[in-house]
N, C-alpha and C. Protein backbone atom coordinates (compact mmCIF):
# COMPACT_ATOMS: atom_id res chain seq x y z
N UNK A 1 -28.54 23.75 -17.90
CA UNK A 1 -29.59 22.80 -17.64
C UNK A 1 -30.74 23.56 -16.98
N UNK A 2 -31.91 23.46 -17.54
CA UNK A 2 -33.05 24.23 -17.04
C UNK A 2 -33.69 23.55 -15.83
N UNK A 3 -34.40 24.36 -15.07
CA UNK A 3 -35.13 23.83 -13.91
C UNK A 3 -36.20 22.85 -14.35
N UNK A 4 -36.83 23.12 -15.48
CA UNK A 4 -37.88 22.21 -15.96
C UNK A 4 -37.29 20.85 -16.33
N UNK A 5 -36.09 20.84 -16.94
CA UNK A 5 -35.45 19.58 -17.29
C UNK A 5 -35.10 18.80 -16.03
N UNK A 6 -34.58 19.50 -15.04
CA UNK A 6 -34.25 18.84 -13.77
C UNK A 6 -35.51 18.28 -13.14
N UNK A 7 -36.59 19.01 -13.20
CA UNK A 7 -37.86 18.52 -12.68
C UNK A 7 -38.31 17.26 -13.41
N UNK A 8 -38.14 17.23 -14.72
CA UNK A 8 -38.50 16.04 -15.50
C UNK A 8 -37.63 14.84 -15.09
N UNK A 9 -36.36 15.10 -14.81
CA UNK A 9 -35.49 14.02 -14.34
C UNK A 9 -35.96 13.49 -12.99
N UNK A 10 -36.29 14.42 -12.10
CA UNK A 10 -36.73 14.03 -10.76
C UNK A 10 -38.03 13.23 -10.80
N UNK A 11 -38.89 13.57 -11.73
CA UNK A 11 -40.19 12.91 -11.82
C UNK A 11 -40.19 11.70 -12.75
N UNK A 12 -39.03 11.34 -13.27
CA UNK A 12 -38.91 10.15 -14.11
C UNK A 12 -39.44 10.32 -15.52
N UNK A 13 -39.63 11.54 -15.96
CA UNK A 13 -40.13 11.76 -17.32
C UNK A 13 -39.02 11.69 -18.36
N UNK A 14 -37.78 11.86 -17.94
CA UNK A 14 -36.63 11.78 -18.84
C UNK A 14 -35.56 10.92 -18.19
N UNK A 15 -34.80 10.23 -19.01
CA UNK A 15 -33.62 9.50 -18.56
C UNK A 15 -32.40 10.35 -18.94
N UNK A 16 -31.56 10.68 -17.97
CA UNK A 16 -30.41 11.54 -18.29
C UNK A 16 -29.35 10.80 -19.11
N UNK A 17 -28.70 11.52 -19.98
CA UNK A 17 -27.57 10.97 -20.73
C UNK A 17 -26.34 10.98 -19.83
N UNK A 18 -25.30 10.32 -20.29
CA UNK A 18 -24.04 10.34 -19.52
C UNK A 18 -23.51 11.76 -19.39
N UNK A 19 -23.68 12.55 -20.43
CA UNK A 19 -23.22 13.94 -20.40
C UNK A 19 -23.95 14.70 -19.30
N UNK A 20 -25.26 14.50 -19.19
CA UNK A 20 -26.05 15.17 -18.16
C UNK A 20 -25.66 14.68 -16.78
N UNK A 21 -25.46 13.36 -16.63
CA UNK A 21 -25.04 12.82 -15.33
C UNK A 21 -23.71 13.41 -14.89
N UNK A 22 -22.78 13.53 -15.84
CA UNK A 22 -21.48 14.12 -15.51
C UNK A 22 -21.63 15.58 -15.09
N UNK A 23 -22.47 16.32 -15.80
CA UNK A 23 -22.68 17.73 -15.47
C UNK A 23 -23.32 17.88 -14.10
N UNK A 24 -24.31 17.04 -13.80
CA UNK A 24 -24.96 17.09 -12.49
C UNK A 24 -23.97 16.75 -11.38
N UNK A 25 -23.21 15.69 -11.59
CA UNK A 25 -22.23 15.28 -10.58
C UNK A 25 -21.21 16.39 -10.34
N UNK A 26 -20.77 17.02 -11.42
CA UNK A 26 -19.80 18.11 -11.29
C UNK A 26 -20.39 19.26 -10.47
N UNK A 27 -21.63 19.61 -10.75
CA UNK A 27 -22.28 20.70 -10.02
C UNK A 27 -22.51 20.35 -8.55
N UNK A 28 -22.71 19.07 -8.27
CA UNK A 28 -22.94 18.63 -6.89
C UNK A 28 -21.64 18.34 -6.15
N UNK A 29 -20.54 18.34 -6.88
CA UNK A 29 -19.24 18.09 -6.24
C UNK A 29 -19.02 16.63 -5.88
N UNK A 30 -19.62 15.71 -6.65
CA UNK A 30 -19.44 14.28 -6.42
C UNK A 30 -18.98 13.63 -7.71
N UNK A 31 -18.49 12.41 -7.60
CA UNK A 31 -18.11 11.67 -8.79
C UNK A 31 -19.37 11.11 -9.44
N UNK A 32 -19.41 11.00 -10.78
CA UNK A 32 -20.60 10.50 -11.46
C UNK A 32 -21.07 9.14 -10.94
N UNK A 33 -20.14 8.24 -10.65
CA UNK A 33 -20.55 6.92 -10.15
C UNK A 33 -21.22 7.01 -8.79
N UNK A 34 -20.81 7.98 -7.96
CA UNK A 34 -21.48 8.18 -6.67
C UNK A 34 -22.91 8.65 -6.88
N UNK A 35 -23.11 9.53 -7.83
CA UNK A 35 -24.45 10.03 -8.13
C UNK A 35 -25.36 8.89 -8.58
N UNK A 36 -24.85 8.02 -9.44
CA UNK A 36 -25.64 6.90 -9.93
C UNK A 36 -25.98 5.95 -8.78
N UNK A 37 -25.01 5.63 -7.95
CA UNK A 37 -25.27 4.75 -6.80
C UNK A 37 -26.31 5.35 -5.87
N UNK A 38 -26.17 6.63 -5.58
CA UNK A 38 -27.12 7.32 -4.70
C UNK A 38 -28.52 7.30 -5.30
N UNK A 39 -28.62 7.60 -6.59
CA UNK A 39 -29.92 7.63 -7.26
C UNK A 39 -30.57 6.25 -7.27
N UNK A 40 -29.76 5.20 -7.32
CA UNK A 40 -30.28 3.83 -7.34
C UNK A 40 -30.59 3.32 -5.94
N UNK A 41 -30.27 4.13 -4.92
CA UNK A 41 -30.53 3.69 -3.55
C UNK A 41 -29.51 2.70 -3.03
N UNK A 42 -28.37 2.65 -3.67
CA UNK A 42 -27.30 1.74 -3.26
C UNK A 42 -26.31 2.47 -2.37
N UNK A 43 -25.59 1.73 -1.53
CA UNK A 43 -24.61 2.39 -0.66
C UNK A 43 -23.50 3.05 -1.46
N UNK A 44 -23.14 4.24 -1.05
CA UNK A 44 -22.06 4.99 -1.69
C UNK A 44 -20.82 4.83 -0.82
N UNK A 45 -19.74 4.28 -1.38
CA UNK A 45 -18.53 4.12 -0.57
C UNK A 45 -18.01 5.47 -0.09
N UNK A 46 -17.57 5.50 1.12
CA UNK A 46 -17.07 6.74 1.71
C UNK A 46 -15.72 7.11 1.11
N UNK A 47 -15.59 8.38 0.79
CA UNK A 47 -14.32 8.89 0.29
C UNK A 47 -13.63 9.71 1.37
N UNK A 48 -14.07 9.54 2.61
CA UNK A 48 -13.50 10.32 3.70
C UNK A 48 -12.03 10.00 3.89
N UNK A 49 -11.26 11.01 4.12
CA UNK A 49 -9.84 10.87 4.38
C UNK A 49 -9.65 10.92 5.88
N UNK A 50 -8.83 10.04 6.39
CA UNK A 50 -8.57 10.05 7.83
C UNK A 50 -7.78 11.29 8.20
N UNK A 51 -7.88 11.67 9.45
CA UNK A 51 -7.14 12.83 9.94
C UNK A 51 -5.64 12.60 9.78
N UNK A 52 -5.20 11.38 10.05
CA UNK A 52 -3.79 11.06 9.91
C UNK A 52 -3.32 11.27 8.47
N UNK A 53 -4.12 10.78 7.51
CA UNK A 53 -3.76 10.95 6.09
C UNK A 53 -3.74 12.43 5.70
N UNK A 54 -4.69 13.19 6.23
CA UNK A 54 -4.73 14.62 5.92
C UNK A 54 -3.47 15.31 6.44
N UNK A 55 -3.04 14.94 7.62
CA UNK A 55 -1.82 15.53 8.19
C UNK A 55 -0.61 15.13 7.35
N UNK A 56 -0.54 13.85 6.99
CA UNK A 56 0.61 13.36 6.22
C UNK A 56 0.73 14.00 4.84
N UNK A 57 -0.39 14.38 4.25
CA UNK A 57 -0.35 14.88 2.87
C UNK A 57 -0.51 16.39 2.75
N UNK A 58 -0.67 17.10 3.87
CA UNK A 58 -0.85 18.55 3.80
C UNK A 58 0.46 19.22 3.41
N UNK A 59 0.49 19.86 2.24
CA UNK A 59 1.74 20.47 1.77
C UNK A 59 2.17 21.69 2.57
N UNK A 60 1.27 22.22 3.40
CA UNK A 60 1.63 23.40 4.19
C UNK A 60 2.48 23.06 5.39
N UNK A 61 2.53 21.78 5.75
CA UNK A 61 3.28 21.37 6.94
C UNK A 61 4.67 20.89 6.59
N UNK A 62 5.60 21.25 7.48
CA UNK A 62 6.96 20.73 7.35
C UNK A 62 7.00 19.35 8.00
N UNK A 63 7.98 18.52 7.65
CA UNK A 63 8.05 17.17 8.22
C UNK A 63 8.01 17.15 9.75
N UNK A 64 8.71 18.07 10.39
CA UNK A 64 8.72 18.10 11.86
C UNK A 64 7.32 18.43 12.40
N UNK A 65 6.61 19.31 11.72
CA UNK A 65 5.25 19.64 12.15
C UNK A 65 4.32 18.44 11.99
N UNK A 66 4.48 17.72 10.88
CA UNK A 66 3.66 16.52 10.67
C UNK A 66 3.89 15.52 11.79
N UNK A 67 5.15 15.27 12.09
CA UNK A 67 5.48 14.30 13.14
C UNK A 67 4.90 14.72 14.48
N UNK A 68 5.02 16.00 14.81
CA UNK A 68 4.50 16.49 16.09
C UNK A 68 2.98 16.36 16.16
N UNK A 69 2.30 16.74 15.09
CA UNK A 69 0.84 16.63 15.08
C UNK A 69 0.39 15.19 15.20
N UNK A 70 1.04 14.29 14.47
CA UNK A 70 0.67 12.88 14.55
C UNK A 70 0.91 12.31 15.94
N UNK A 71 2.00 12.72 16.56
CA UNK A 71 2.29 12.25 17.92
C UNK A 71 1.24 12.76 18.91
N UNK A 72 0.88 14.03 18.81
CA UNK A 72 -0.16 14.57 19.70
C UNK A 72 -1.49 13.86 19.47
N UNK A 73 -1.82 13.61 18.24
CA UNK A 73 -3.06 12.91 17.93
C UNK A 73 -3.06 11.51 18.56
N UNK A 74 -1.97 10.80 18.43
CA UNK A 74 -1.87 9.46 19.04
C UNK A 74 -2.07 9.53 20.54
N UNK A 75 -1.48 10.53 21.19
CA UNK A 75 -1.64 10.68 22.65
C UNK A 75 -3.10 10.94 23.02
N UNK A 76 -3.76 11.85 22.27
CA UNK A 76 -5.17 12.13 22.55
C UNK A 76 -6.02 10.88 22.38
N UNK A 77 -5.77 10.14 21.34
CA UNK A 77 -6.55 8.93 21.10
C UNK A 77 -6.27 7.87 22.14
N UNK A 78 -5.03 7.74 22.56
CA UNK A 78 -4.69 6.79 23.62
C UNK A 78 -5.36 7.18 24.93
N UNK A 79 -5.39 8.48 25.25
CA UNK A 79 -6.07 8.95 26.46
C UNK A 79 -7.56 8.63 26.40
N UNK A 80 -8.18 8.83 25.23
CA UNK A 80 -9.61 8.51 25.08
C UNK A 80 -9.86 7.03 25.27
N UNK A 81 -8.95 6.19 24.75
CA UNK A 81 -9.09 4.75 24.92
C UNK A 81 -8.98 4.37 26.39
N UNK A 82 -8.04 5.01 27.11
CA UNK A 82 -7.85 4.72 28.54
C UNK A 82 -9.10 5.11 29.34
N UNK A 83 -9.69 6.27 29.03
CA UNK A 83 -10.90 6.73 29.73
C UNK A 83 -12.07 5.81 29.40
N UNK A 84 -12.22 5.44 28.16
CA UNK A 84 -13.31 4.55 27.75
C UNK A 84 -13.17 3.19 28.43
N UNK A 85 -11.94 2.70 28.55
CA UNK A 85 -11.71 1.42 29.21
C UNK A 85 -12.03 1.48 30.69
N UNK A 86 -11.76 2.61 31.33
CA UNK A 86 -12.03 2.78 32.75
C UNK A 86 -13.53 2.89 33.00
N UNK A 87 -14.28 3.43 32.04
CA UNK A 87 -15.72 3.60 32.20
C UNK A 87 -16.47 2.29 31.97
N UNK A 88 -15.85 1.33 31.32
CA UNK A 88 -16.55 0.08 30.96
C UNK A 88 -16.72 -0.84 32.13
């Protein structure tokens, strides 16, 4: 895809085909539907994964490591809640 073609897209001189939208999305590391929503100025749903989910699904961790990390995370979050409650 040439720089001039991208410029034409940006300036509204061309309407991209589905093939072009897919290629752009692939190069940007997003899903095509996210690109369309963003271009239309609409909210893009977050694809963020929670830290807990990341720990649970990380194949590098053994079950005991997952449990320990999740327990430590819960303690940290509980401590933060206790401090926030005391400051209120």
